[in-house]
Amino acid sequence: MNHYGEDEFEGVDLRSASSFAGVPDEFQRLWTPHRLAYIENGQQPPEADCPFCLAPEMSDEEGLIVHRGTHAFVLLNLYPYNSGHLLVCPYRHVAMYDDATVEETAEIASLTQEAMRVLKKVSRNDGYNIGMNQGRVAGAGIADHLHQHVVPRWATDSNFFPIIAKSKAVTALLGDVRNAIAQAWPKAN
């Protein structure tokens, strides 16, 4: 037997689940077709296709950008953990936090603080998860471009989906959330 346990499936018909449109089993399904692009294309795009490099080249609406700074910008996560899940990214394609410049890290920190204030105003959330996954082994979805997660949390957002179905219910459309956050973001003088 190899380390994948393939011998356990010897003689078992292992057809693709996509051909079983309605075979009953013990699982409930929450359909999330918007995630297909992420799954089909893999998590690590070539540098020329880096979503954090491409987003600033688009309109704010198209790139889901809520604020553009001098060295960094803030955008919605296309695959949010919660409604209003923001990412703070430097414009420069740099992978690790310790490779960022002093100016980039200062603006990432400042934009993270402002993101918290704006989310509180727009979403009336009770807390935040804030962090960076550095490198593929640490779980970075896009490992080659530094980004900080700012995830709003509510006292009532824990439900059975994450525990039973390993799914999150996101209650608002990305465009609507982007508009609300962008409108609430303080304008530069």
C-alpha atoms as a PDB file:
ATOM      1  CA  MET A   1       0.000   0.000   0.000  1.00  0.00           C
ATOM      2  CA  ASN A   2       1.318   3.484  -0.821  1.00  0.00           C
ATOM      3  CA  HIS A   3       0.981   6.546   1.404  1.00  0.00           C
ATOM      4  CA  TYR A   4      -2.296   7.539  -0.305  1.00  0.00           C
ATOM      5  CA  GLY A   5      -4.029   4.367   0.820  1.00  0.00           C
ATOM      6  CA  GLU A   6      -4.864   3.371  -2.764  1.00  0.00           C
ATOM      7  CA  ASP A   7      -4.879  -0.326  -1.876  1.00  0.00           C
ATOM      8  CA  GLU A   8      -7.937   0.370   0.272  1.00  0.00           C
ATOM      9  CA  PHE A   9      -9.866   1.157  -2.927  1.00  0.00           C
ATOM     10  CA  GLU A  10      -8.774  -1.830  -5.005  1.00  0.00           C
ATOM     11  CA  GLY A  11     -11.786  -3.228  -6.849  1.00  0.00           C
ATOM     12  CA  VAL A  12     -13.959  -0.222  -5.909  1.00  0.00           C
ATOM     13  CA  ASP A  13     -15.599   1.735  -8.723  1.00  0.00           C
ATOM     14  CA  LEU A  14     -14.036   5.201  -8.337  1.00  0.00           C
ATOM     15  CA  ARG A  15     -15.989   7.228 -10.885  1.00  0.00           C
ATOM     16  CA  SER A  16     -16.015  11.004 -10.771  1.00  0.00           C
ATOM     17  CA  ALA A  17     -18.652  12.393  -8.420  1.00  0.00           C
ATOM     18  CA  SER A  18     -19.661  14.836 -11.159  1.00  0.00           C
ATOM     19  CA  SER A  19     -21.517  11.989 -12.859  1.00  0.00           C
ATOM     20  CA  PHE A  20     -23.672  11.277  -9.778  1.00  0.00           C
ATOM     21  CA  ALA A  21     -26.185  14.102 -10.039  1.00  0.00           C
ATOM     22  CA  GLY A  22     -28.515  12.828  -7.356  1.00  0.00           C
ATOM     23  CA  VAL A  23     -27.017   9.863  -5.533  1.00  0.00           C
ATOM     24  CA  PRO A  24     -28.213  10.128  -1.931  1.00  0.00           C
ATOM     25  CA  ASP A  25     -25.649  10.041   0.850  1.00  0.00           C
ATOM     26  CA  GLU A  26     -25.231  11.523   4.328  1.00  0.00           C
ATOM     27  CA  PHE A  27     -23.781  14.840   3.069  1.00  0.00           C
ATOM     28  CA  GLN A  28     -25.712  18.045   2.514  1.00  0.00           C
ATOM     29  CA  ARG A  29     -24.336  20.198  -0.267  1.00  0.00           C
ATOM     30  CA  LEU A  30     -23.950  23.944  -0.265  1.00  0.00           C
ATOM     31  CA  TRP A  31     -23.304  24.873  -3.890  1.00  0.00           C
ATOM     32  CA  THR A  32     -20.637  27.540  -4.375  1.00  0.00           C
ATOM     33  CA  PRO A  33     -20.024  27.694  -8.143  1.00  0.00           C
ATOM     34  CA  HIS A  34     -18.060  30.970  -7.848  1.00  0.00           C
ATOM     35  CA  ARG A  35     -15.210  28.983  -6.251  1.00  0.00           C
ATOM     36  CA  LEU A  36     -14.774  26.811  -9.385  1.00  0.00           C
ATOM     37  CA  ALA A  37     -12.242  29.206 -10.923  1.00  0.00           C
ATOM     38  CA  TYR A  38     -10.142  29.017  -7.741  1.00  0.00           C
ATOM     39  CA  ILE A  39     -10.282  25.219  -7.673  1.00  0.00           C
ATOM     40  CA  GLU A  40      -9.689  24.664 -11.410  1.00  0.00           C
ATOM     41  CA  ASN A  41      -6.846  27.154 -11.695  1.00  0.00           C
ATOM     42  CA  GLY A  42      -5.108  26.149  -8.494  1.00  0.00           C
ATOM     43  CA  GLN A  43      -4.108  28.424  -5.685  1.00  0.00           C
ATOM     44  CA  GLN A  44      -0.787  29.687  -7.022  1.00  0.00           C
ATOM     45  CA  PRO A  45      -1.104  31.632 -10.277  1.00  0.00           C
ATOM     46  CA  PRO A  46       1.892  32.520 -12.434  1.00  0.00           C
ATOM     47  CA  GLU A  47       3.267  35.967 -11.552  1.00  0.00           C
ATOM     48  CA  ALA A  48       1.761  37.441 -14.743  1.00  0.00           C
ATOM     49  CA  ASP A  49      -1.701  36.375 -13.491  1.00  0.00           C
ATOM     50  CA  CYS A  50      -1.299  37.455  -9.848  1.00  0.00           C
ATOM     51  CA  PRO A  51      -4.726  38.786  -8.804  1.00  0.00           C
ATOM     52  CA  PHE A  52      -3.105  41.326  -6.465  1.00  0.00           C
ATOM     53  CA  CYS A  53      -0.999  42.715  -9.311  1.00  0.00           C
ATOM     54  CA  LEU A  54      -3.925  42.722 -11.764  1.00  0.00           C
ATOM     55  CA  ALA A  55      -6.546  44.288  -9.466  1.00  0.00           C
ATOM     56  CA  PRO A  56      -4.955  47.789  -9.378  1.00  0.00           C
ATOM     57  CA  GLU A  57      -4.978  47.824 -13.200  1.00  0.00           C
ATOM     58  CA  MET A  58      -8.790  47.441 -13.153  1.00  0.00           C
ATOM     59  CA  SER A  59     -11.519  49.841 -12.120  1.00  0.00           C
ATOM     60  CA  ASP A  60     -12.213  49.778  -8.383  1.00  0.00           C
ATOM     61  CA  GLU A  61     -15.518  47.997  -8.980  1.00  0.00           C
ATOM     62  CA  GLU A  62     -13.979  45.364 -11.243  1.00  0.00           C
ATOM     63  CA  GLY A  63     -10.982  44.770  -8.965  1.00  0.00           C
ATOM     64  CA  LEU A  64     -13.142  44.873  -5.783  1.00  0.00           C
ATOM     65  CA  ILE A  65     -10.877  47.664  -4.487  1.00  0.00           C
ATOM     66  CA  VAL A  66     -12.258  49.779  -1.655  1.00  0.00           C
ATOM     67  CA  HIS A  67      -9.241  52.084  -1.185  1.00  0.00           C
ATOM     68  CA  ARG A  68      -5.987  52.900  -2.992  1.00  0.00           C
ATOM     69  CA  GLY A  69      -3.057  54.204  -0.975  1.00  0.00           C
ATOM     70  CA  THR A  70       0.453  55.218  -2.011  1.00  0.00           C
ATOM     71  CA  HIS A  71       2.239  51.894  -1.367  1.00  0.00           C
ATOM     72  CA  ALA A  72      -0.691  49.558  -0.663  1.00  0.00           C
ATOM     73  CA  PHE A  73      -4.384  49.108  -1.387  1.00  0.00           C
ATOM     74  CA  VAL A  74      -7.424  47.427   0.163  1.00  0.00           C
ATOM     75  CA  LEU A  75      -9.764  45.066  -1.665  1.00  0.00           C
ATOM     76  CA  LEU A  76     -12.446  42.523  -0.880  1.00  0.00           C
ATOM     77  CA  ASN A  77     -11.458  38.885  -0.788  1.00  0.00           C
ATOM     78  CA  LEU A  78     -13.048  37.147  -3.780  1.00  0.00           C
ATOM     79  CA  TYR A  79     -13.461  34.040  -1.580  1.00  0.00           C
ATOM     80  CA  PRO A  80     -14.493  35.595   1.752  1.00  0.00           C
ATOM     81  CA  TYR A  81     -14.628  33.838   5.107  1.00  0.00           C
ATOM     82  CA  ASN A  82     -17.241  36.405   6.176  1.00  0.00           C
ATOM     83  CA  SER A  83     -19.040  39.268   4.470  1.00  0.00           C
ATOM     84  CA  GLY A  84     -16.641  42.214   4.377  1.00  0.00           C
ATOM     85  CA  HIS A  85     -13.457  40.087   4.419  1.00  0.00           C
ATOM     86  CA  LEU A  86     -10.775  42.552   3.283  1.00  0.00           C
ATOM     87  CA  LEU A  87      -7.210  42.120   2.073  1.00  0.00           C
ATOM     88  CA  VAL A  88      -4.507  44.774   2.434  1.00  0.00           C
ATOM     89  CA  CYS A  89      -1.793  44.364  -0.221  1.00  0.00           C
ATOM     90  CA  PRO A  90       1.281  46.258  -1.312  1.00  0.00           C
ATOM     91  CA  TYR A  91       1.267  47.222  -4.992  1.00  0.00           C
ATOM     92  CA  ARG A  92       4.713  45.702  -5.351  1.00  0.00           C
ATOM     93  CA  HIS A  93       4.808  41.952  -6.011  1.00  0.00           C
ATOM     94  CA  VAL A  94       6.657  40.824  -2.874  1.00  0.00           C
ATOM     95  CA  ALA A  95       6.037  37.529  -1.083  1.00  0.00           C
ATOM     96  CA  MET A  96       7.199  37.875   2.500  1.00  0.00           C
ATOM     97  CA  TYR A  97       6.549  40.502   5.155  1.00  0.00           C
ATOM     98  CA  ASP A  98      10.245  40.838   5.930  1.00  0.00           C
ATOM     99  CA  ASP A  99      10.886  41.668   2.248  1.00  0.00           C
ATOM    100  CA  ALA A 100       8.458  44.613   2.323  1.00  0.00           C
ATOM    101  CA  THR A 101       9.853  48.119   2.675  1.00  0.00           C
ATOM    102  CA  VAL A 102       9.365  50.248   5.781  1.00  0.00           C
ATOM    103  CA  GLU A 103       6.943  52.418   3.781  1.00  0.00           C
ATOM    104  CA  GLU A 104       4.934  49.384   2.633  1.00  0.00           C
ATOM    105  CA  THR A 105       4.659  47.867   6.123  1.00  0.00           C
ATOM    106  CA  ALA A 106       3.711  51.239   7.626  1.00  0.00           C
ATOM    107  CA  GLU A 107       0.935  51.736   5.086  1.00  0.00           C
ATOM    108  CA  ILE A 108      -0.282  48.138   5.419  1.00  0.00           C
ATOM    109  CA  ALA A 109      -0.546  48.705   9.191  1.00  0.00           C
ATOM    110  CA  SER A 110      -2.327  52.039   8.763  1.00  0.00           C
ATOM    111  CA  LEU A 111      -4.749  50.668   6.172  1.00  0.00           C
ATOM    112  CA  THR A 112      -5.474  47.670   8.398  1.00  0.00           C
ATOM    113  CA  GLN A 113      -6.444  50.027  11.229  1.00  0.00           C
ATOM    114  CA  GLU A 114      -8.633  52.084   8.898  1.00  0.00           C
ATOM    115  CA  ALA A 115     -10.219  48.900   7.524  1.00  0.00           C
ATOM    116  CA  MET A 116     -11.178  47.939  11.074  1.00  0.00           C
ATOM    117  CA  ARG A 117     -12.795  51.346  11.690  1.00  0.00           C
ATOM    118  CA  VAL A 118     -14.684  51.266   8.382  1.00  0.00           C
ATOM    119  CA  LEU A 119     -15.882  47.690   8.880  1.00  0.00           C
ATOM    120  CA  LYS A 120     -17.098  48.571  12.387  1.00  0.00           C
ATOM    121  CA  LYS A 121     -19.075  51.496  10.956  1.00  0.00           C
ATOM    122  CA  VAL A 122     -20.518  49.560   8.001  1.00  0.00           C
ATOM    123  CA  SER A 123     -21.002  46.102   9.522  1.00  0.00           C
ATOM    124  CA  ARG A 124     -21.316  46.745  13.269  1.00  0.00           C
ATOM    125  CA  ASN A 125     -19.141  43.684  13.851  1.00  0.00           C
ATOM    126  CA  ASP A 126     -17.954  42.579  17.302  1.00  0.00           C
ATOM    127  CA  GLY A 127     -14.351  41.617  16.520  1.00  0.00           C
ATOM    128  CA  TYR A 128     -11.779  40.738  13.846  1.00  0.00           C
ATOM    129  CA  ASN A 129      -9.441  38.043  12.695  1.00  0.00           C
ATOM    130  CA  ILE A 130      -6.328  39.754  11.325  1.00  0.00           C
ATOM    131  CA  GLY A 131      -3.309  37.982   9.956  1.00  0.00           C
ATOM    132  CA  MET A 132      -0.965  36.874   7.203  1.00  0.00           C
ATOM    133  CA  ASN A 133      -0.143  33.393   6.006  1.00  0.00           C
ATOM    134  CA  GLN A 134       3.477  33.535   4.893  1.00  0.00           C
ATOM    135  CA  GLY A 135       4.383  30.906   2.275  1.00  0.00           C
ATOM    136  CA  ARG A 136       2.540  27.954   0.774  1.00  0.00           C
ATOM    137  CA  VAL A 137       3.295  25.713   3.748  1.00  0.00           C
ATOM    138  CA  ALA A 138       1.574  28.250   6.029  1.00  0.00           C
ATOM    139  CA  GLY A 139      -1.586  28.152   3.931  1.00  0.00           C
ATOM    140  CA  ALA A 140      -1.193  31.310   1.853  1.00  0.00           C
ATOM    141  CA  GLY A 141      -3.780  31.193  -0.939  1.00  0.00           C
ATOM    142  CA  ILE A 142      -1.587  33.493  -3.032  1.00  0.00           C
ATOM    143  CA  ALA A 143       1.851  32.848  -1.563  1.00  0.00           C
ATOM    144  CA  ASP A 144       3.892  35.065  -3.875  1.00  0.00           C
ATOM    145  CA  HIS A 145       2.137  38.372  -3.101  1.00  0.00           C
ATOM    146  CA  LEU A 146       1.992  39.636   0.459  1.00  0.00           C
ATOM    147  CA  HIS A 147      -1.490  40.310   1.804  1.00  0.00           C
ATOM    148  CA  GLN A 148      -3.019  40.893   5.210  1.00  0.00           C
ATOM    149  CA  HIS A 149      -6.491  39.509   5.989  1.00  0.00           C
ATOM    150  CA  VAL A 150      -8.994  41.635   7.916  1.00  0.00           C
ATOM    151  CA  VAL A 151     -12.030  39.454   8.663  1.00  0.00           C
ATOM    152  CA  PRO A 152     -14.979  40.946  10.546  1.00  0.00           C
ATOM    153  CA  ARG A 153     -16.544  38.688  13.175  1.00  0.00           C
ATOM    154  CA  TRP A 154     -19.861  38.843  14.996  1.00  0.00           C
ATOM    155  CA  ALA A 155     -20.834  37.278  18.294  1.00  0.00           C
ATOM    156  CA  THR A 156     -23.614  35.483  16.428  1.00  0.00           C
ATOM    157  CA  ASP A 157     -21.652  34.366  13.336  1.00  0.00           C
ATOM    158  CA  SER A 158     -20.828  30.902  14.636  1.00  0.00           C
ATOM    159  CA  ASN A 159     -23.328  28.406  13.368  1.00  0.00           C
ATOM    160  CA  PHE A 160     -23.428  24.792  12.265  1.00  0.00           C
ATOM    161  CA  PHE A 161     -22.047  25.364   8.745  1.00  0.00           C
ATOM    162  CA  PRO A 162     -18.339  25.690   9.673  1.00  0.00           C
ATOM    163  CA  ILE A 163     -18.560  22.766  12.088  1.00  0.00           C
ATOM    164  CA  ILE A 164     -20.748  20.307  10.207  1.00  0.00           C
ATOM    165  CA  ALA A 165     -20.466  21.306   6.560  1.00  0.00           C
ATOM    166  CA  LYS A 166     -17.082  23.058   6.639  1.00  0.00           C
ATOM    167  CA  SER A 167     -18.801  25.949   4.831  1.00  0.00           C
ATOM    168  CA  LYS A 168     -19.522  29.591   5.596  1.00  0.00           C
ATOM    169  CA  ALA A 169     -22.716  31.405   4.660  1.00  0.00           C
ATOM    170  CA  VAL A 170     -21.864  34.801   3.181  1.00  0.00           C
ATOM    171  CA  THR A 171     -24.985  36.926   3.266  1.00  0.00           C
ATOM    172  CA  ALA A 172     -24.226  39.835   0.916  1.00  0.00           C
ATOM    173  CA  LEU A 173     -23.117  40.196  -2.697  1.00  0.00           C
ATOM    174  CA  LEU A 174     -19.481  41.243  -3.171  1.00  0.00           C
ATOM    175  CA  GLY A 175     -20.403  44.298  -5.258  1.00  0.00           C
ATOM    176  CA  ASP A 176     -22.830  45.571  -2.622  1.00  0.00           C
ATOM    177  CA  VAL A 177     -20.280  45.057   0.168  1.00  0.00           C
ATOM    178  CA  ARG A 178     -17.542  46.753  -1.884  1.00  0.00           C
ATOM    179  CA  ASN A 179     -19.770  49.785  -2.532  1.00  0.00           C
ATOM    180  CA  ALA A 180     -20.729  50.156   1.138  1.00  0.00           C
ATOM    181  CA  ILE A 181     -17.129  49.920   2.355  1.00  0.00           C
ATOM    182  CA  ALA A 182     -15.732  52.185  -0.385  1.00  0.00           C
ATOM    183  CA  GLN A 183     -18.382  54.836   0.359  1.00  0.00           C
ATOM    184  CA  ALA A 184     -17.639  54.686   4.107  1.00  0.00           C
ATOM    185  CA  TRP A 185     -13.853  54.926   3.618  1.00  0.00           C
ATOM    186  CA  PRO A 186     -12.615  58.410   4.634  1.00  0.00           C
ATOM    187  CA  LYS A 187     -11.721  60.578   1.658  1.00  0.00           C
ATOM    188  CA  ALA A 188      -8.269  62.178   1.468  1.00  0.00           C
ATOM    189  CA  ASN A 189      -8.231  65.955   1.868  1.00  0.00           C
END
